[in-house]
Amino acid sequence: YGDAASWPLYLLLLALTGVGLARSEDAVSTRVFVAAGALSLL
């Protein structure tokens, strides 16, 4: 693939996102996010 060299950076960001999500524990923002998700479904 001609643009394959760009993928290591994308995958690094994806890995950091996954690790960061595993460490996200704030209760207030979680409730706000759930409310936003419920609004999205509506």
PDB file of all heavy atoms in Angstrom:
ATOM      1  N   TYR A   1       0.835  -1.200   0.000  1.00  0.00           N
ATOM      2  CA  TYR A   1       0.000   0.000   0.000  1.00  0.00           C
ATOM      3  C   TYR A   1       0.869   1.248   0.000  1.00  0.00           C
ATOM      4  O   TYR A   1       1.804   1.377   0.804  1.00  0.00           O
ATOM      5  CB  TYR A   1      -0.912  -0.023   1.222  1.00  0.00           C
ATOM      6  CG  TYR A   1      -1.859   1.144   1.328  1.00  0.00           C
ATOM      7  CD1 TYR A   1      -2.725   1.468   0.290  1.00  0.00           C
ATOM      8  CD2 TYR A   1      -1.895   1.924   2.482  1.00  0.00           C
ATOM      9  CE1 TYR A   1      -3.604   2.531   0.392  1.00  0.00           C
ATOM     10  CE2 TYR A   1      -2.768   2.984   2.605  1.00  0.00           C
ATOM     11  CZ  TYR A   1      -3.621   3.286   1.549  1.00  0.00           C
ATOM     12  OH  TYR A   1      -4.483   4.350   1.654  1.00  0.00           O
ATOM     13  N   GLY A   2       0.560   2.184  -0.878  1.00  0.00           N
ATOM     14  CA  GLY A   2       1.417   3.351  -1.057  1.00  0.00           C
ATOM     15  C   GLY A   2       1.519   4.250   0.163  1.00  0.00           C
ATOM     16  O   GLY A   2       2.550   4.887   0.383  1.00  0.00           O
ATOM     17  N   ASP A   3       0.454   4.300   0.993  1.00  0.00           N
ATOM     18  CA  ASP A   3       0.464   5.176   2.165  1.00  0.00           C
ATOM     19  C   ASP A   3       0.653   4.382   3.457  1.00  0.00           C
ATOM     20  O   ASP A   3       0.261   4.833   4.530  1.00  0.00           O
ATOM     21  CB  ASP A   3      -0.855   5.970   2.208  1.00  0.00           C
ATOM     22  CG  ASP A   3      -0.775   7.168   3.140  1.00  0.00           C
ATOM     23  OD1 ASP A   3       0.322   7.739   3.292  1.00  0.00           O
ATOM     24  OD2 ASP A   3      -1.816   7.535   3.744  1.00  0.00           O
ATOM     25  N   ALA A   4       1.260   3.210   3.361  1.00  0.00           N
ATOM     26  CA  ALA A   4       1.417   2.341   4.530  1.00  0.00           C
ATOM     27  C   ALA A   4       2.247   2.999   5.627  1.00  0.00           C
ATOM     28  O   ALA A   4       2.040   2.725   6.818  1.00  0.00           O
ATOM     29  CB  ALA A   4       2.063   1.019   4.126  1.00  0.00           C
ATOM     30  N   ALA A   5       3.169   3.897   5.257  1.00  0.00           N
ATOM     31  CA  ALA A   5       4.051   4.517   6.248  1.00  0.00           C
ATOM     32  C   ALA A   5       3.294   5.379   7.256  1.00  0.00           C
ATOM     33  O   ALA A   5       3.815   5.664   8.337  1.00  0.00           O
ATOM     34  CB  ALA A   5       5.108   5.357   5.538  1.00  0.00           C
ATOM     35  N   SER A   6       2.077   5.796   6.918  1.00  0.00           N
ATOM     36  CA  SER A   6       1.303   6.619   7.849  1.00  0.00           C
ATOM     37  C   SER A   6       0.634   5.785   8.942  1.00  0.00           C
ATOM     38  O   SER A   6       0.222   6.325   9.978  1.00  0.00           O
ATOM     39  CB  SER A   6       0.223   7.396   7.087  1.00  0.00           C
ATOM     40  OG  SER A   6      -0.721   6.508   6.514  1.00  0.00           O
ATOM     41  N   TRP A   7       0.532   4.464   8.748  1.00  0.00           N
ATOM     42  CA  TRP A   7      -0.240   3.645   9.663  1.00  0.00           C
ATOM     43  C   TRP A   7       0.386   3.436  11.035  1.00  0.00           C
ATOM     44  O   TRP A   7      -0.347   3.326  12.028  1.00  0.00           O
ATOM     45  CB  TRP A   7      -0.589   2.313   9.007  1.00  0.00           C
ATOM     46  CG  TRP A   7      -1.906   2.432   8.318  1.00  0.00           C
ATOM     47  CD1 TRP A   7      -2.139   2.601   6.987  1.00  0.00           C
ATOM     48  CD2 TRP A   7      -3.185   2.445   8.936  1.00  0.00           C
ATOM     49  NE1 TRP A   7      -3.475   2.724   6.727  1.00  0.00           N
ATOM     50  CE2 TRP A   7      -4.153   2.626   7.918  1.00  0.00           C
ATOM     51  CE3 TRP A   7      -3.633   2.323  10.248  1.00  0.00           C
ATOM     52  CZ2 TRP A   7      -5.523   2.683   8.179  1.00  0.00           C
ATOM     53  CZ3 TRP A   7      -4.993   2.381  10.512  1.00  0.00           C
ATOM     54  CH2 TRP A   7      -5.915   2.552   9.484  1.00  0.00           C
ATOM     55  N   PRO A   8       1.704   3.350  11.183  1.00  0.00           N
ATOM     56  CA  PRO A   8       2.242   3.237  12.545  1.00  0.00           C
ATOM     57  C   PRO A   8       1.780   4.345  13.477  1.00  0.00           C
ATOM     58  O   PRO A   8       1.475   4.090  14.651  1.00  0.00           O
ATOM     59  CB  PRO A   8       3.758   3.264  12.311  1.00  0.00           C
ATOM     60  CG  PRO A   8       3.927   2.637  10.965  1.00  0.00           C
ATOM     61  CD  PRO A   8       2.752   3.144  10.169  1.00  0.00           C
ATOM     62  N   LEU A   9       1.698   5.593  12.971  1.00  0.00           N
ATOM     63  CA  LEU A   9       1.227   6.691  13.819  1.00  0.00           C
ATOM     64  C   LEU A   9      -0.243   6.507  14.182  1.00  0.00           C
ATOM     65  O   LEU A   9      -0.630   6.685  15.342  1.00  0.00           O
ATOM     66  CB  LEU A   9       1.423   8.022  13.100  1.00  0.00           C
ATOM     67  CG  LEU A   9       0.891   9.267  13.831  1.00  0.00           C
ATOM     68  CD1 LEU A   9       1.558   9.414  15.195  1.00  0.00           C
ATOM     69  CD2 LEU A   9       1.091  10.514  12.985  1.00  0.00           C
ATOM     70  N   TYR A  10      -1.070   6.140  13.208  1.00  0.00           N
ATOM     71  CA  TYR A  10      -2.485   5.908  13.495  1.00  0.00           C
ATOM     72  C   TYR A  10      -2.655   4.812  14.541  1.00  0.00           C
ATOM     73  O   TYR A  10      -3.474   4.920  15.468  1.00  0.00           O
ATOM     74  CB  TYR A  10      -3.229   5.514  12.219  1.00  0.00           C
ATOM     75  CG  TYR A  10      -3.340   6.594  11.188  1.00  0.00           C
ATOM     76  CD1 TYR A  10      -3.294   6.292   9.829  1.00  0.00           C
ATOM     77  CD2 TYR A  10      -3.499   7.933  11.550  1.00  0.00           C
ATOM     78  CE1 TYR A  10      -3.397   7.282   8.863  1.00  0.00           C
ATOM     79  CE2 TYR A  10      -3.598   8.925  10.589  1.00  0.00           C
ATOM     80  CZ  TYR A  10      -3.547   8.594   9.247  1.00  0.00           C
ATOM     81  OH  TYR A  10      -3.657   9.576   8.292  1.00  0.00           O
ATOM     82  N   LEU A  11      -1.895   3.745  14.390  1.00  0.00           N
ATOM     83  CA  LEU A  11      -2.023   2.622  15.312  1.00  0.00           C
ATOM     84  C   LEU A  11      -1.508   2.976  16.700  1.00  0.00           C
ATOM     85  O   LEU A  11      -2.026   2.493  17.707  1.00  0.00           O
ATOM     86  CB  LEU A  11      -1.285   1.408  14.747  1.00  0.00           C
ATOM     87  CG  LEU A  11      -1.943   0.798  13.505  1.00  0.00           C
ATOM     88  CD1 LEU A  11      -1.015  -0.229  12.852  1.00  0.00           C
ATOM     89  CD2 LEU A  11      -3.273   0.155  13.854  1.00  0.00           C
ATOM     90  N   LEU A  12      -0.479   3.825  16.771  1.00  0.00           N
ATOM     91  CA  LEU A  12      -0.008   4.301  18.068  1.00  0.00           C
ATOM     92  C   LEU A  12      -1.102   5.089  18.778  1.00  0.00           C
ATOM     93  O   LEU A  12      -1.365   4.897  19.973  1.00  0.00           O
ATOM     94  CB  LEU A  12       1.237   5.172  17.886  1.00  0.00           C
ATOM     95  CG  LEU A  12       1.758   5.873  19.150  1.00  0.00           C
ATOM     96  CD1 LEU A  12       2.171   4.847  20.200  1.00  0.00           C
ATOM     97  CD2 LEU A  12       2.923   6.807  18.813  1.00  0.00           C
ATOM     98  N   LEU A  13      -1.780   5.980  18.038  1.00  0.00           N
ATOM     99  CA  LEU A  13      -2.876   6.754  18.623  1.00  0.00           C
ATOM    100  C   LEU A  13      -4.006   5.836  19.073  1.00  0.00           C
ATOM    101  O   LEU A  13      -4.617   6.047  20.125  1.00  0.00           O
ATOM    102  CB  LEU A  13      -3.395   7.787  17.611  1.00  0.00           C
ATOM    103  CG  LEU A  13      -2.460   8.950  17.298  1.00  0.00           C
ATOM    104  CD1 LEU A  13      -3.025   9.809  16.172  1.00  0.00           C
ATOM    105  CD2 LEU A  13      -2.233   9.803  18.546  1.00  0.00           C
ATOM    106  N   LEU A  14      -4.270   4.801  18.280  1.00  0.00           N
ATOM    107  CA  LEU A  14      -5.331   3.860  18.638  1.00  0.00           C
ATOM    108  C   LEU A  14      -4.972   3.107  19.915  1.00  0.00           C
ATOM    109  O   LEU A  14      -5.819   2.908  20.801  1.00  0.00           O
ATOM    110  CB  LEU A  14      -5.543   2.884  17.483  1.00  0.00           C
ATOM    111  CG  LEU A  14      -6.855   2.096  17.468  1.00  0.00           C
ATOM    112  CD1 LEU A  14      -8.038   3.033  17.275  1.00  0.00           C
ATOM    113  CD2 LEU A  14      -6.824   1.050  16.361  1.00  0.00           C
ATOM    114  N   ALA A  15      -3.705   2.691  20.031  1.00  0.00           N
ATOM    115  CA  ALA A  15      -3.263   1.985  21.234  1.00  0.00           C
ATOM    116  C   ALA A  15      -3.343   2.892  22.458  1.00  0.00           C
ATOM    117  O   ALA A  15      -3.806   2.474  23.533  1.00  0.00           O
ATOM    118  CB  ALA A  15      -1.835   1.474  21.040  1.00  0.00           C
ATOM    119  N   LEU A  16      -2.901   4.133  22.325  1.00  0.00           N
ATOM    120  CA  LEU A  16      -2.978   5.084  23.440  1.00  0.00           C
ATOM    121  C   LEU A  16      -4.423   5.339  23.834  1.00  0.00           C
ATOM    122  O   LEU A  16      -4.744   5.479  25.024  1.00  0.00           O
ATOM    123  CB  LEU A  16      -2.289   6.397  23.059  1.00  0.00           C
ATOM    124  CG  LEU A  16      -0.765   6.350  22.931  1.00  0.00           C
ATOM    125  CD1 LEU A  16      -0.232   7.680  22.413  1.00  0.00           C
ATOM    126  CD2 LEU A  16      -0.127   6.004  24.275  1.00  0.00           C
ATOM    127  N   THR A  17      -5.309   5.392  22.839  1.00  0.00           N
ATOM    128  CA  THR A  17      -6.728   5.583  23.129  1.00  0.00           C
ATOM    129  C   THR A  17      -7.273   4.420  23.939  1.00  0.00           C
ATOM    130  O   THR A  17      -7.990   4.611  24.936  1.00  0.00           O
ATOM    131  CB  THR A  17      -7.529   5.722  21.823  1.00  0.00           C
ATOM    132  OG1 THR A  17      -7.072   6.872  21.108  1.00  0.00           O
ATOM    133  CG2 THR A  17      -9.022   5.861  22.106  1.00  0.00           C
ATOM    134  N   GLY A  18      -6.927   3.195  23.536  1.00  0.00           N
ATOM    135  CA  GLY A  18      -7.398   2.022  24.259  1.00  0.00           C
ATOM    136  C   GLY A  18      -6.900   1.990  25.689  1.00  0.00           C
ATOM    137  O   GLY A  18      -7.670   1.727  26.627  1.00  0.00           O
ATOM    138  N   VAL A  19      -5.612   2.283  25.893  1.00  0.00           N
ATOM    139  CA  VAL A  19      -5.053   2.297  27.247  1.00  0.00           C
ATOM    140  C   VAL A  19      -5.686   3.410  28.073  1.00  0.00           C
ATOM    141  O   VAL A  19      -6.035   3.222  29.244  1.00  0.00           O
ATOM    142  CB  VAL A  19      -3.522   2.464  27.187  1.00  0.00           C
ATOM    143  CG1 VAL A  19      -2.956   2.644  28.591  1.00  0.00           C
ATOM    144  CG2 VAL A  19      -2.879   1.256  26.515  1.00  0.00           C
ATOM    145  N   GLY A  20      -5.868   4.570  27.454  1.00  0.00           N
ATOM    146  CA  GLY A  20      -6.483   5.684  28.160  1.00  0.00           C
ATOM    147  C   GLY A  20      -7.913   5.393  28.573  1.00  0.00           C
ATOM    148  O   GLY A  20      -8.340   5.723  29.684  1.00  0.00           O
ATOM    149  N   LEU A  21      -8.670   4.758  27.691  1.00  0.00           N
ATOM    150  CA  LEU A  21     -10.051   4.406  28.037  1.00  0.00           C
ATOM    151  C   LEU A  21     -10.087   3.437  29.215  1.00  0.00           C
ATOM    152  O   LEU A  21     -10.985   3.519  30.066  1.00  0.00           O
ATOM    153  CB  LEU A  21     -10.750   3.780  26.826  1.00  0.00           C
ATOM    154  CG  LEU A  21     -11.113   4.745  25.693  1.00  0.00           C
ATOM    155  CD1 LEU A  21     -11.625   3.981  24.479  1.00  0.00           C
ATOM    156  CD2 LEU A  21     -12.157   5.759  26.145  1.00  0.00           C
ATOM    157  N   ALA A  22      -9.124   2.532  29.282  1.00  0.00           N
ATOM    158  CA  ALA A  22      -9.084   1.572  30.389  1.00  0.00           C
ATOM    159  C   ALA A  22      -8.850   2.259  31.722  1.00  0.00           C
ATOM    160  O   ALA A  22      -9.205   1.722  32.777  1.00  0.00           O
ATOM    161  CB  ALA A  22      -7.997   0.530  30.140  1.00  0.00           C
ATOM    162  N   ARG A  23      -8.272   3.455  31.687  1.00  0.00           N
ATOM    163  CA  ARG A  23      -7.955   4.180  32.928  1.00  0.00           C
ATOM    164  C   ARG A  23      -8.915   5.322  33.204  1.00  0.00           C
ATOM    165  O   ARG A  23      -8.690   6.100  34.125  1.00  0.00           O
ATOM    166  CB  ARG A  23      -6.524   4.725  32.852  1.00  0.00           C
ATOM    167  CG  ARG A  23      -5.469   3.646  32.745  1.00  0.00           C
ATOM    168  CD  ARG A  23      -5.459   2.785  33.997  1.00  0.00           C
ATOM    169  NE  ARG A  23      -4.982   3.520  35.162  1.00  0.00           N
ATOM    170  CZ  ARG A  23      -5.119   3.106  36.416  1.00  0.00           C
ATOM    171  NH1 ARG A  23      -5.754   1.976  36.665  1.00  0.00           N
ATOM    172  NH2 ARG A  23      -4.647   3.821  37.418  1.00  0.00           N
ATOM    173  N   SER A  24      -9.988   5.435  32.442  1.00  0.00           N
ATOM    174  CA  SER A  24     -10.942   6.537  32.618  1.00  0.00           C
ATOM    175  C   SER A  24     -11.969   6.147  33.665  1.00  0.00           C
ATOM    176  O   SER A  24     -12.779   5.255  33.445  1.00  0.00           O
ATOM    177  CB  SER A  24     -11.622   6.852  31.281  1.00  0.00           C
ATOM    178  OG  SER A  24     -10.668   7.248  30.332  1.00  0.00           O
ATOM    179  N   GLU A  25     -11.953   6.842  34.814  1.00  0.00           N
ATOM    180  CA  GLU A  25     -12.796   6.426  35.928  1.00  0.00           C
ATOM    181  C   GLU A  25     -13.599   7.571  36.544  1.00  0.00           C
ATOM    182  O   GLU A  25     -14.176   7.392  37.619  1.00  0.00           O
ATOM    183  CB  GLU A  25     -11.938   5.775  37.019  1.00  0.00           C
ATOM    184  CG  GLU A  25     -11.175   4.537  36.556  1.00  0.00           C
ATOM    185  CD  GLU A  25     -10.324   3.930  37.650  1.00  0.00           C
ATOM    186  OE1 GLU A  25     -10.301   4.510  38.755  1.00  0.00           O
ATOM    187  OE2 GLU A  25      -9.687   2.891  37.404  1.00  0.00           O
ATOM    188  N   ASP A  26     -13.679   8.711  35.908  1.00  0.00           N
ATOM    189  CA  ASP A  26     -14.363   9.851  36.501  1.00  0.00           C
ATOM    190  C   ASP A  26     -15.880   9.638  36.477  1.00  0.00           C
ATOM    191  O   ASP A  26     -16.480   9.446  35.412  1.00  0.00           O
ATOM    192  CB  ASP A  26     -14.002  11.123  35.729  1.00  0.00           C
ATOM    193  CG  ASP A  26     -14.734  12.333  36.283  1.00  0.00           C
ATOM    194  OD1 ASP A  26     -14.439  12.719  37.418  1.00  0.00           O
ATOM    195  OD2 ASP A  26     -15.620  12.849  35.569  1.00  0.00           O
ATOM    196  N   ALA A  27     -16.522   9.686  37.645  1.00  0.00           N
ATOM    197  CA  ALA A  27     -17.947   9.361  37.751  1.00  0.00           C
ATOM    198  C   ALA A  27     -18.837  10.434  37.134  1.00  0.00           C
ATOM    199  O   ALA A  27     -19.840  10.126  36.482  1.00  0.00           O
ATOM    200  CB  ALA A  27     -18.316   9.154  39.222  1.00  0.00           C
ATOM    201  N   VAL A  28     -18.482  11.714  37.343  1.00  0.00           N
ATOM    202  CA  VAL A  28     -19.332  12.802  36.847  1.00  0.00           C
ATOM    203  C   VAL A  28     -19.399  12.802  35.330  1.00  0.00           C
ATOM    204  O   VAL A  28     -20.482  12.827  34.725  1.00  0.00           O
ATOM    205  CB  VAL A  28     -18.821  14.163  37.367  1.00  0.00           C
ATOM    206  CG1 VAL A  28     -19.631  15.306  36.733  1.00  0.00           C
ATOM    207  CG2 VAL A  28     -18.914  14.226  38.881  1.00  0.00           C
ATOM    208  N   SER A  29     -18.236  12.764  34.683  1.00  0.00           N
ATOM    209  CA  SER A  29     -18.226  12.781  33.225  1.00  0.00           C
ATOM    210  C   SER A  29     -18.854  11.514  32.651  1.00  0.00           C
ATOM    211  O   SER A  29     -19.440  11.540  31.561  1.00  0.00           O
ATOM    212  CB  SER A  29     -16.807  12.968  32.698  1.00  0.00           C
ATOM    213  OG  SER A  29     -15.962  11.910  33.106  1.00  0.00           O
ATOM    214  N   THR A  30     -18.761  10.393  33.387  1.00  0.00           N
ATOM    215  CA  THR A  30     -19.410   9.168  32.929  1.00  0.00           C
ATOM    216  C   THR A  30     -20.915   9.363  32.854  1.00  0.00           C
ATOM    217  O   THR A  30     -21.562   8.982  31.868  1.00  0.00           O
ATOM    218  CB  THR A  30     -19.086   7.996  33.867  1.00  0.00           C
ATOM    219  OG1 THR A  30     -17.687   7.713  33.789  1.00  0.00           O
ATOM    220  CG2 THR A  30     -19.868   6.752  33.487  1.00  0.00           C
ATOM    221  N   ARG A  31     -21.504   9.967  33.880  1.00  0.00           N
ATOM    222  CA  ARG A  31     -22.951  10.193  33.879  1.00  0.00           C
ATOM    223  C   ARG A  31     -23.359  11.158  32.765  1.00  0.00           C
ATOM    224  O   ARG A  31     -24.398  10.977  32.124  1.00  0.00           O
ATOM    225  CB  ARG A  31     -23.396  10.713  35.244  1.00  0.00           C
ATOM    226  CG  ARG A  31     -23.269   9.679  36.356  1.00  0.00           C
ATOM    227  CD  ARG A  31     -23.635  10.256  37.714  1.00  0.00           C
ATOM    228  NE  ARG A  31     -23.425   9.300  38.782  1.00  0.00           N
ATOM    229  CZ  ARG A  31     -24.333   8.413  39.201  1.00  0.00           C
ATOM    230  NH1 ARG A  31     -25.521   8.385  38.616  1.00  0.00           N
ATOM    231  NH2 ARG A  31     -24.058   7.577  40.174  1.00  0.00           N
ATOM    232  N   VAL A  32     -22.546  12.164  32.525  1.00  0.00           N
ATOM    233  CA  VAL A  32     -22.843  13.102  31.436  1.00  0.00           C
ATOM    234  C   VAL A  32     -22.742  12.385  30.094  1.00  0.00           C
ATOM    235  O   VAL A  32     -23.571  12.588  29.195  1.00  0.00           O
ATOM    236  CB  VAL A  32     -21.887  14.310  31.480  1.00  0.00           C
ATOM    237  CG1 VAL A  32     -22.101  15.223  30.271  1.00  0.00           C
ATOM    238  CG2 VAL A  32     -22.093  15.100  32.768  1.00  0.00           C
ATOM    239  N   PHE A  33     -21.730  11.540  29.951  1.00  0.00           N
ATOM    240  CA  PHE A  33     -21.554  10.801  28.702  1.00  0.00           C
ATOM    241  C   PHE A  33     -22.729   9.858  28.468  1.00  0.00           C
ATOM    242  O   PHE A  33     -23.215   9.710  27.337  1.00  0.00           O
ATOM    243  CB  PHE A  33     -20.247   9.994  28.754  1.00  0.00           C
ATOM    244  CG  PHE A  33     -19.619   9.773  27.415  1.00  0.00           C
ATOM    245  CD1 PHE A  33     -18.557  10.551  26.992  1.00  0.00           C
ATOM    246  CD2 PHE A  33     -20.093   8.794  26.563  1.00  0.00           C
ATOM    247  CE1 PHE A  33     -17.978  10.362  25.747  1.00  0.00           C
ATOM    248  CE2 PHE A  33     -19.525   8.581  25.322  1.00  0.00           C
ATOM    249  CZ  PHE A  33     -18.465   9.374  24.912  1.00  0.00           C
ATOM    250  N   VAL A  34     -23.199   9.217  29.531  1.00  0.00           N
ATOM    251  CA  VAL A  34     -24.355   8.323  29.402  1.00  0.00           C
ATOM    252  C   VAL A  34     -25.592   9.116  28.994  1.00  0.00           C
ATOM    253  O   VAL A  34     -26.379   8.671  28.139  1.00  0.00           O
ATOM    254  CB  VAL A  34     -24.588   7.574  30.727  1.00  0.00           C
ATOM    255  CG1 VAL A  34     -25.943   6.864  30.720  1.00  0.00           C
ATOM    256  CG2 VAL A  34     -23.466   6.566  30.964  1.00  0.00           C
ATOM    257  N   ALA A  35     -25.774  10.288  29.595  1.00  0.00           N
ATOM    258  CA  ALA A  35     -26.915  11.130  29.222  1.00  0.00           C
ATOM    259  C   ALA A  35     -26.820  11.541  27.749  1.00  0.00           C
ATOM    260  O   ALA A  35     -27.827  11.539  27.022  1.00  0.00           O
ATOM    261  CB  ALA A  35     -26.968  12.365  30.116  1.00  0.00           C
ATOM    262  N   ALA A  36     -25.605  11.885  27.305  1.00  0.00           N
ATOM    263  CA  ALA A  36     -25.415  12.241  25.895  1.00  0.00           C
ATOM    264  C   ALA A  36     -25.679  11.049  24.991  1.00  0.00           C
ATOM    265  O   ALA A  36     -26.248  11.192  23.898  1.00  0.00           O
ATOM    266  CB  ALA A  36     -23.995  12.769  25.683  1.00  0.00           C
ATOM    267  N   GLY A  37     -25.277   9.857  25.446  1.00  0.00           N
ATOM    268  CA  GLY A  37     -25.551   8.654  24.674  1.00  0.00           C
ATOM    269  C   GLY A  37     -27.041   8.376  24.573  1.00  0.00           C
ATOM    270  O   GLY A  37     -27.547   7.995  23.506  1.00  0.00           O
ATOM    271  N   ALA A  38     -27.766   8.563  25.680  1.00  0.00           N
ATOM    272  CA  ALA A  38     -29.211   8.361  25.654  1.00  0.00           C
ATOM    273  C   ALA A  38     -29.877   9.356  24.699  1.00  0.00           C
ATOM    274  O   ALA A  38     -30.788   8.989  23.937  1.00  0.00           O
ATOM    275  CB  ALA A  38     -29.779   8.517  27.065  1.00  0.00           C
ATOM    276  N   LEU A  39     -29.426  10.601  24.717  1.00  0.00           N
ATOM    277  CA  LEU A  39     -29.950  11.602  23.779  1.00  0.00           C
ATOM    278  C   LEU A  39     -29.638  11.191  22.342  1.00  0.00           C
ATOM    279  O   LEU A  39     -30.482  11.358  21.441  1.00  0.00           O
ATOM    280  CB  LEU A  39     -29.344  12.969  24.095  1.00  0.00           C
ATOM    281  CG  LEU A  39     -29.720  14.111  23.143  1.00  0.00           C
ATOM    282  CD1 LEU A  39     -31.229  14.344  23.133  1.00  0.00           C
ATOM    283  CD2 LEU A  39     -28.978  15.396  23.529  1.00  0.00           C
ATOM    284  N   SER A  40     -28.463  10.648  22.118  1.00  0.00           N
ATOM    285  CA  SER A  40     -28.088  10.199  20.768  1.00  0.00           C
ATOM    286  C   SER A  40     -29.033   9.114  20.269  1.00  0.00           C
ATOM    287  O   SER A  40     -29.478   9.137  19.113  1.00  0.00           O
ATOM    288  CB  SER A  40     -26.657   9.668  20.769  1.00  0.00           C
ATOM    289  OG  SER A  40     -25.738  10.652  21.185  1.00  0.00           O
ATOM    290  N   LEU A  41     -29.357   8.148  21.137  1.00  0.00           N
ATOM    291  CA  LEU A  41     -30.281   7.087  20.750  1.00  0.00           C
ATOM    292  C   LEU A  41     -31.651   7.662  20.414  1.00  0.00           C
ATOM    293  O   LEU A  41     -32.308   7.226  19.451  1.00  0.00           O
ATOM    294  CB  LEU A  41     -30.410   6.054  21.876  1.00  0.00           C
ATOM    295  CG  LEU A  41     -29.135   5.287  22.255  1.00  0.00           C
ATOM    296  CD1 LEU A  41     -29.440   4.275  23.354  1.00  0.00           C
ATOM    297  CD2 LEU A  41     -28.541   4.577  21.049  1.00  0.00           C
ATOM    298  N   LEU A  42     -32.077   8.634  21.193  1.00  0.00           N
ATOM    299  CA  LEU A  42     -33.374   9.274  20.944  1.00  0.00           C
ATOM    300  C   LEU A  42     -33.377   9.999  19.603  1.00  0.00           C
ATOM    301  O   LEU A  42     -34.331   9.878  18.810  1.00  0.00           O
ATOM    302  CB  LEU A  42     -33.686  10.246  22.076  1.00  0.00           C
ATOM    303  CG  LEU A  42     -35.061  10.933  22.047  1.00  0.00           C
ATOM    304  CD1 LEU A  42     -36.170   9.902  22.150  1.00  0.00           C
ATOM    305  CD2 LEU A  42     -35.166  11.953  23.167  1.00  0.00           C
TER     306      LEU A  42
END
